[in-house]
Protein backbone atom coordinates (compact mmCIF):
# COMPACT_ATOMS: atom_id res chain seq x y z
CA MET A 1 2.12 -11.28 40.86
CA VAL A 2 1.88 -8.53 38.26
CA VAL A 3 4.45 -9.08 35.52
CA PRO A 4 6.05 -5.83 34.33
CA ILE A 5 5.11 -5.08 30.76
CA ILE A 6 8.75 -5.05 29.65
CA ASP A 7 9.07 -8.70 30.70
CA ARG A 8 6.31 -9.64 28.30
CA ILE A 9 8.07 -8.03 25.35
CA SER A 10 10.07 -10.46 23.24
CA THR A 11 13.51 -9.60 21.96
CA PRO A 12 13.04 -7.46 18.85
CA PRO A 13 14.16 -9.26 15.69
CA GLU A 14 16.05 -7.57 12.92
CA ALA A 15 13.63 -6.32 10.26
CA VAL A 16 14.53 -6.26 6.61
CA ALA A 17 13.17 -3.73 4.16
CA PRO A 18 13.24 -3.12 0.41
CA ASN A 19 15.53 -0.87 -1.57
CA PRO A 20 13.97 2.12 -3.37
CA LEU A 21 12.44 1.49 -6.78
CA LYS A 22 14.06 2.63 -10.00
CA LYS A 23 12.71 3.10 -13.50
CA GLY A 24 11.94 -0.17 -15.22
CA ASP A 25 11.17 -2.04 -12.00
CA LEU A 26 8.15 -4.32 -12.05
CA VAL A 27 5.08 -3.55 -9.93
CA ARG A 28 2.29 -6.12 -9.61
CA PHE A 29 -1.35 -5.59 -8.63
CA VAL A 30 -2.98 -8.39 -6.62
CA SER A 31 -6.32 -8.66 -4.83
CA PRO A 32 -5.92 -10.16 -1.33
CA ALA A 33 -9.35 -8.92 -0.26
CA SER A 34 -12.40 -7.89 -2.33
CA THR A 35 -12.88 -7.58 -6.08
CA PRO A 36 -11.86 -4.21 -7.53
CA ASP A 37 -13.28 -2.18 -10.37
CA ARG A 38 -11.03 -3.05 -13.32
CA SER A 39 -11.11 0.45 -14.80
CA GLU A 40 -9.97 1.99 -11.51
CA VAL A 41 -7.07 -0.43 -11.24
CA GLU A 42 -6.04 0.16 -14.83
CA ALA A 43 -6.10 3.91 -14.23
CA GLY A 44 -3.77 3.44 -11.26
CA ALA A 45 -1.53 1.19 -13.33
CA ALA A 46 -1.29 3.93 -15.97
CA VAL A 47 0.02 6.34 -13.34
CA LEU A 48 2.72 3.89 -12.29
CA GLU A 49 3.69 3.35 -15.91
CA ALA A 50 3.95 7.10 -16.37
CA TRP A 51 6.42 7.09 -13.47
CA GLY A 52 8.56 4.67 -15.45
CA PHE A 53 7.63 1.36 -13.83
CA GLU A 54 6.52 -1.84 -15.53
CA VAL A 55 3.12 -3.10 -14.34
CA ASP A 56 1.37 -6.45 -14.45
CA PHE A 57 -1.53 -8.17 -12.65
CA GLY A 58 -2.01 -11.28 -10.58
CA GLU A 59 -3.76 -14.17 -12.31
CA HIS A 60 -6.85 -13.83 -10.12
CA ALA A 61 -6.82 -10.06 -9.56
CA PHE A 62 -10.33 -9.61 -10.98
CA GLU A 63 -11.96 -12.83 -9.80
CA LYS A 64 -15.13 -12.67 -7.73
CA ALA A 65 -16.39 -15.10 -5.09
CA ASN A 66 -19.15 -13.41 -3.13
CA TYR A 67 -17.47 -10.46 -1.38
CA LEU A 68 -13.97 -11.81 -2.06
CA ALA A 69 -11.69 -11.61 -5.10
CA GLY A 70 -11.68 -15.36 -5.58
CA THR A 71 -11.15 -18.18 -3.13
CA ASP A 72 -8.65 -17.97 -0.28
CA GLU A 73 -6.37 -20.26 -2.28
CA GLN A 74 -6.53 -18.02 -5.37
CA ARG A 75 -5.89 -14.79 -3.50
CA LEU A 76 -3.06 -16.29 -1.47
CA SER A 77 -1.55 -17.86 -4.57
CA ASP A 78 -1.39 -14.48 -6.33
CA LEU A 79 0.10 -12.77 -3.30
CA ASN A 80 2.74 -15.42 -2.70
CA ALA A 81 3.54 -15.57 -6.41
CA ALA A 82 4.33 -11.86 -6.29
CA ILE A 83 6.41 -12.34 -3.15
CA ARG A 84 8.39 -15.17 -4.77
CA ASP A 85 8.94 -13.48 -8.14
CA PRO A 86 12.37 -11.80 -8.03
CA GLN A 87 11.34 -9.42 -10.81
CA VAL A 88 8.51 -7.92 -8.74
CA ARG A 89 9.80 -5.03 -6.63
CA ALA A 90 6.52 -3.70 -5.26
CA ILE A 91 3.12 -5.27 -4.61
CA PHE A 92 0.01 -3.13 -4.86
CA ALA A 93 -3.32 -4.25 -3.44
CA THR A 94 -6.07 -3.41 -5.93
CA ARG A 95 -8.36 -2.47 -3.05
CA GLY A 96 -9.31 -3.34 0.51
CA GLY A 97 -12.75 -4.56 1.45
CA LYS A 98 -12.72 -7.92 3.20
CA GLY A 99 -10.65 -11.07 3.22
CA SER A 100 -6.97 -10.24 3.77
CA TYR A 101 -7.33 -11.38 7.38
CA ARG A 102 -8.16 -14.89 6.14
CA ILE A 103 -4.73 -15.35 4.55
CA ALA A 104 -2.44 -13.00 6.49
CA ASP A 105 -0.78 -15.85 8.41
CA GLN A 106 0.02 -17.86 5.28
CA LEU A 107 2.34 -15.46 3.47
CA ASP A 108 5.74 -16.77 2.38
CA PHE A 109 7.54 -14.90 5.15
CA ALA A 110 10.86 -16.66 4.52
CA CYS A 111 10.91 -15.57 0.88
CA MET A 112 9.80 -12.05 1.74
CA ARG A 113 12.53 -11.79 4.35
CA ALA A 114 15.13 -12.94 1.84
CA ASP A 115 13.87 -10.57 -0.87
CA PRO A 116 11.80 -7.77 0.73
CA LYS A 117 9.56 -5.59 -1.41
CA PHE A 118 7.04 -2.81 -0.86
CA VAL A 119 3.43 -3.74 -0.08
CA VAL A 120 1.08 -0.85 -0.79
CA GLY A 121 -2.52 -0.70 0.42
CA PHE A 122 -4.73 0.30 3.32
CA SER A 123 -8.07 -0.53 4.94
CA ASP A 124 -8.26 -4.37 4.99
CA ILE A 125 -4.65 -4.53 3.75
CA THR A 126 -3.51 -3.23 7.15
CA ILE A 127 -3.52 -6.78 8.47
CA LEU A 128 -0.99 -7.85 5.83
CA HIS A 129 1.25 -4.96 6.86
CA LEU A 130 0.97 -5.92 10.52
CA SER A 131 1.62 -9.59 9.84
CA LEU A 132 4.75 -8.74 7.86
CA LEU A 133 5.99 -6.32 10.53
CA ASN A 134 5.35 -8.96 13.17
CA ALA A 135 7.63 -11.27 11.19
CA GLY A 136 10.37 -8.65 11.04
CA ILE A 137 9.67 -7.51 7.47
CA GLY A 138 9.38 -3.84 6.52
CA GLY A 139 8.20 -2.15 3.34
CA ALA A 140 4.57 -1.51 4.30
CA VAL A 141 3.00 1.60 2.79
CA HIS A 142 -0.39 2.72 4.11
CA GLY A 143 -2.15 4.24 1.10
CA ALA A 144 -3.09 3.63 -2.51
CA ILE A 145 -3.39 5.24 -5.92
CA ARG A 146 -6.97 4.44 -6.75
CA GLY A 147 -9.71 2.07 -5.67
CA ASP A 148 -13.43 1.79 -5.47
CA GLU A 149 -15.74 4.25 -3.81
CA ARG A 150 -14.82 2.95 -0.36
CA ASP A 151 -11.06 2.68 -0.86
CA TRP A 152 -10.49 5.76 -2.96
CA GLN A 153 -7.30 7.73 -3.29
CA SER A 154 -7.15 11.03 -5.17
CA LEU A 155 -4.43 11.18 -7.79
CA ASP A 156 -3.46 14.49 -6.20
CA GLY A 157 -2.28 12.56 -3.16
CA THR A 158 0.13 10.26 -4.94
CA THR A 159 3.21 12.49 -4.88
CA SER A 160 4.09 11.22 -1.40
CA LEU A 161 3.71 7.64 -2.65
CA ARG A 162 6.14 8.20 -5.50
CA ASP A 163 8.63 9.73 -3.08
CA ILE A 164 8.27 6.79 -0.70
CA LEU A 165 8.81 4.20 -3.42
CA THR A 166 11.76 5.95 -5.03
CA GLY A 167 13.51 7.02 -1.83
CA THR A 168 13.58 10.77 -2.26
CA GLY A 169 13.25 11.77 1.37
CA SER A 170 11.19 11.81 4.54
CA THR A 171 7.40 11.83 4.57
CA ILE A 172 5.96 14.87 6.33
CA LEU A 173 2.22 15.13 6.95
CA LYS A 174 0.38 18.10 8.39
CA SER A 175 -2.77 17.73 10.44
CA SER A 176 -5.88 19.49 9.18
CA ALA A 177 -8.50 21.30 11.23
CA SER A 178 -11.12 20.10 8.73
CA GLU A 179 -10.73 16.52 9.99
CA PRO A 180 -12.89 15.67 13.03
CA THR A 181 -9.99 13.97 14.84
CA PHE A 182 -8.06 17.25 14.80
CA ALA A 183 -9.99 18.14 17.97
CA LEU A 184 -8.19 15.32 19.81
CA THR A 185 -4.72 16.80 19.35
CA THR A 186 -2.90 17.29 22.64
CA THR A 187 0.51 18.77 23.39
CA GLY A 188 3.95 17.24 23.34
CA VAL A 189 6.29 15.35 21.05
CA ALA A 190 6.54 11.58 20.65
CA HIS A 191 9.04 9.34 18.88
CA GLY A 192 8.80 5.69 17.85
CA ARG A 193 8.12 3.27 15.05
CA LEU A 194 4.83 3.98 13.28
CA VAL A 195 2.62 0.88 13.47
CA GLY A 196 -1.06 0.41 12.72
CA GLY A 197 -3.58 1.62 10.19
CA ASN A 198 -7.20 0.58 9.99
CA LEU A 199 -8.67 0.12 13.49
CA ASP A 200 -10.80 -2.85 12.45
CA MET A 201 -7.70 -4.71 11.24
CA VAL A 202 -5.54 -3.68 14.20
CA THR A 203 -8.17 -5.28 16.42
CA ALA A 204 -8.59 -8.35 14.21
CA SER A 205 -4.84 -8.96 14.31
CA ALA A 206 -4.50 -8.73 18.10
CA GLY A 207 -3.05 -11.89 19.60
CA TRP A 208 -1.73 -13.40 16.38
CA ALA A 209 -0.47 -10.81 13.87
CA LEU A 210 -0.21 -7.54 15.79
CA PRO A 211 3.38 -6.60 16.72
CA LYS A 212 3.97 -5.52 20.28
CA LEU A 213 3.41 -1.77 20.38
CA TYR A 214 5.83 -0.99 23.19
CA GLY A 215 7.84 2.06 22.13
CA CYS A 216 5.74 2.60 18.99
CA ILE A 217 3.47 5.34 17.71
CA LEU A 218 0.04 3.85 17.02
CA LEU A 219 -1.65 4.89 13.76
CA LEU A 220 -5.44 4.56 13.61
CA GLU A 221 -8.10 5.33 11.01
CA ALA A 222 -11.56 3.87 10.44
CA VAL A 223 -14.62 4.09 8.23
CA ASN A 224 -18.33 3.30 8.30
CA MET A 225 -18.73 1.62 11.66
CA PHE A 226 -21.19 2.04 14.48
CA LEU A 227 -19.86 3.84 17.53
CA GLY A 228 -20.54 0.70 19.54
CA GLN A 229 -18.17 -1.26 17.32
CA VAL A 230 -15.37 1.23 17.89
CA ASP A 231 -16.12 1.18 21.61
CA ARG A 232 -15.83 -2.63 21.73
CA GLN A 233 -12.61 -2.66 19.72
CA LEU A 234 -10.81 -0.01 21.74
CA THR A 235 -12.02 -1.55 24.98
CA MET A 236 -10.55 -4.92 23.99
CA LEU A 237 -7.24 -3.41 22.86
CA ARG A 238 -6.86 -1.47 26.12
CA LYS A 239 -8.01 -4.15 28.54
CA ALA A 240 -5.93 -6.87 26.86
CA GLY A 241 -2.84 -4.70 27.23
CA HIS A 242 -2.17 -4.30 23.52
CA LEU A 243 -1.83 -0.52 23.86
CA ASN A 244 0.57 -0.67 26.80
CA GLY A 245 3.79 1.17 26.14
CA VAL A 246 2.77 3.19 23.09
CA THR A 247 4.66 6.48 22.97
CA GLY A 248 2.03 8.38 21.01
CA VAL A 249 -1.10 8.10 18.88
CA ALA A 250 -1.48 9.36 15.32
CA LEU A 251 -5.12 9.68 14.26
CA GLY A 252 -6.16 9.71 10.64
CA GLN A 253 -9.59 10.00 9.09
CA PHE A 254 -12.60 8.56 10.90
CA THR A 255 -15.21 8.84 8.17
CA ASP A 256 -18.92 8.02 7.85
CA PHE A 257 -19.61 8.05 11.59
CA LYS A 258 -23.02 9.15 12.83
CA PRO A 259 -23.49 10.36 16.43
CA SER A 260 -25.36 8.17 18.88
CA GLY A 261 -27.46 10.61 20.82
CA SER A 262 -25.00 13.22 22.07
CA LEU A 263 -21.99 10.90 21.71
CA THR A 264 -19.69 11.52 18.73
CA ILE A 265 -16.73 9.53 17.41
CA VAL A 266 -14.44 12.25 18.77
CA ASP A 267 -15.97 11.88 22.25
CA LEU A 268 -15.50 8.12 22.11
CA LEU A 269 -11.90 8.28 20.93
CA ARG A 270 -11.08 10.82 23.64
CA GLU A 271 -12.56 8.54 26.31
CA HIS A 272 -10.36 5.61 25.27
CA LEU A 273 -7.14 7.32 24.19
CA THR A 274 -6.67 10.15 26.71
CA PRO A 275 -6.02 7.71 29.61
CA LEU A 276 -2.96 6.43 27.74
CA GLY A 277 -1.26 9.65 28.82
CA VAL A 278 0.75 10.07 25.61
CA PRO A 279 0.80 12.78 22.91
CA ILE A 280 -2.05 12.47 20.42
CA LEU A 281 -1.89 14.06 16.98
CA GLY A 282 -5.24 14.10 15.21
CA GLY A 283 -6.42 15.40 11.88
CA LEU A 284 -3.93 13.52 9.72
CA PRO A 285 -4.92 12.97 6.06
CA LEU A 286 -4.74 9.18 6.24
CA GLY A 287 -7.62 6.83 5.63
CA HIS A 288 -10.78 6.69 3.53
CA GLY A 289 -11.50 10.39 3.23
CA GLU A 290 -10.78 12.88 0.50
CA SER A 291 -7.20 14.01 -0.13
CA ALA A 292 -5.83 11.01 1.73
CA ALA A 293 -2.06 10.71 1.60
CA CYS A 294 0.34 7.77 1.80
CA VAL A 295 2.77 7.00 4.58
CA PRO A 296 5.34 4.25 5.19
CA THR A 297 4.80 2.35 8.41
CA GLY A 298 7.33 0.54 10.57
CA LEU A 299 9.84 3.38 10.37
CA GLU A 300 11.05 5.86 12.96
CA THR A 301 8.47 8.61 13.28
CA THR A 302 8.02 11.82 15.22
CA ILE A 303 4.71 13.46 15.99
CA ASP A 304 4.88 17.08 17.09
CA CYS A 305 1.50 18.15 18.38
CA SER A 306 2.39 21.83 18.69
CA ARG A 307 3.48 21.95 15.05
CA GLY A 308 0.64 19.69 13.94
CA GLU A 309 3.14 17.55 12.07
CA MET A 310 4.11 13.93 11.63
CA ARG A 311 7.53 13.17 10.16
CA VAL A 312 8.50 9.67 9.05
CA VAL A 313 12.17 8.95 8.40
CA GLY A 314 12.60 8.66 4.66
CA ALA A 315 13.52 5.99 2.21
CA PRO A 316 17.32 6.22 2.68
CA THR A 317 16.77 4.19 5.88
CA TRP A 318 14.62 1.51 4.20
CA ALA A 319 17.66 -0.67 3.55
CA VAL A 320 19.10 -0.49 7.06
CA THR A 321 18.17 -2.70 9.97
CA ASN A 322 14.94 -1.82 11.74
CA GLU A 323 13.71 -3.44 14.94
CA PHE A 324 10.20 -4.39 15.99
CA HIS A 325 8.72 -5.79 19.17
CA ARG A 326 7.41 -9.06 17.81
CA ASN A 327 4.34 -10.75 19.16
CA PRO A 328 5.55 -14.30 19.79
CA GLY A 329 2.04 -15.61 19.13
CA GLY A 330 2.06 -14.11 15.62
């Protein structure tokens, strides 16, 4: 017997979220994934200090163990220390890279639920965002101030981040025809919670940290993969039913993709996403490309394909109850 998809959706838990930041609040940089360039992190810290925040760094933020910023124990210790410190009001990942997926199930969820705070990052950090959302915890911000050459964020794009952190209004992003995924934009309007981020991490989290996407708008971006990798990942997500029930798709930057013969990344995305039969808004400035913006995830979002616009409900709703379709295996 085929079980209707709604029967496989668990009861959504209440999700807690942080209050907006104010001047003097403490922000801490930690490295859950790879080792950052210290000068880049310090430059980002200077921006936050100029905004009026206090800034400090995790004990192991600049450690190096092969491609990781220290051992799993060190990286997790710094992250949980920031979660447990009542003075810390926002946690910034120094960069992405690799390794967050190794510790994403070991966060102090109980403490974070009791005292929620912003978690800012993207790329590999997506899996931390998803794991927190799956546990009913909001405050995820897809974006960054600065990072290394792979996880770079122009300082020109940080205005939206400041607005998100301080609660000055909704986040509105316009799609750009200069982005390859702009060609995938369809028609229609979709509403739902914005969930997702880096495709590699969305796939890695499936089955244990990925919230159920029923009723959500799926956000995807990716960088520097072979087309065959993207093909495998989207095939798994579709065939395993993880994309069932999405109300729309928001596509960010798919950068550093080379065609395979006549097949392009746009062709491949169209092949997998069009059958979902939902509005698709491409060309959003989110990801690893130039002029990338920041966006809060887990909040009510509208994508309007005709207007080429994505609108995320602003910070005044951070402190109210949000609901997510939790993956009971997460």
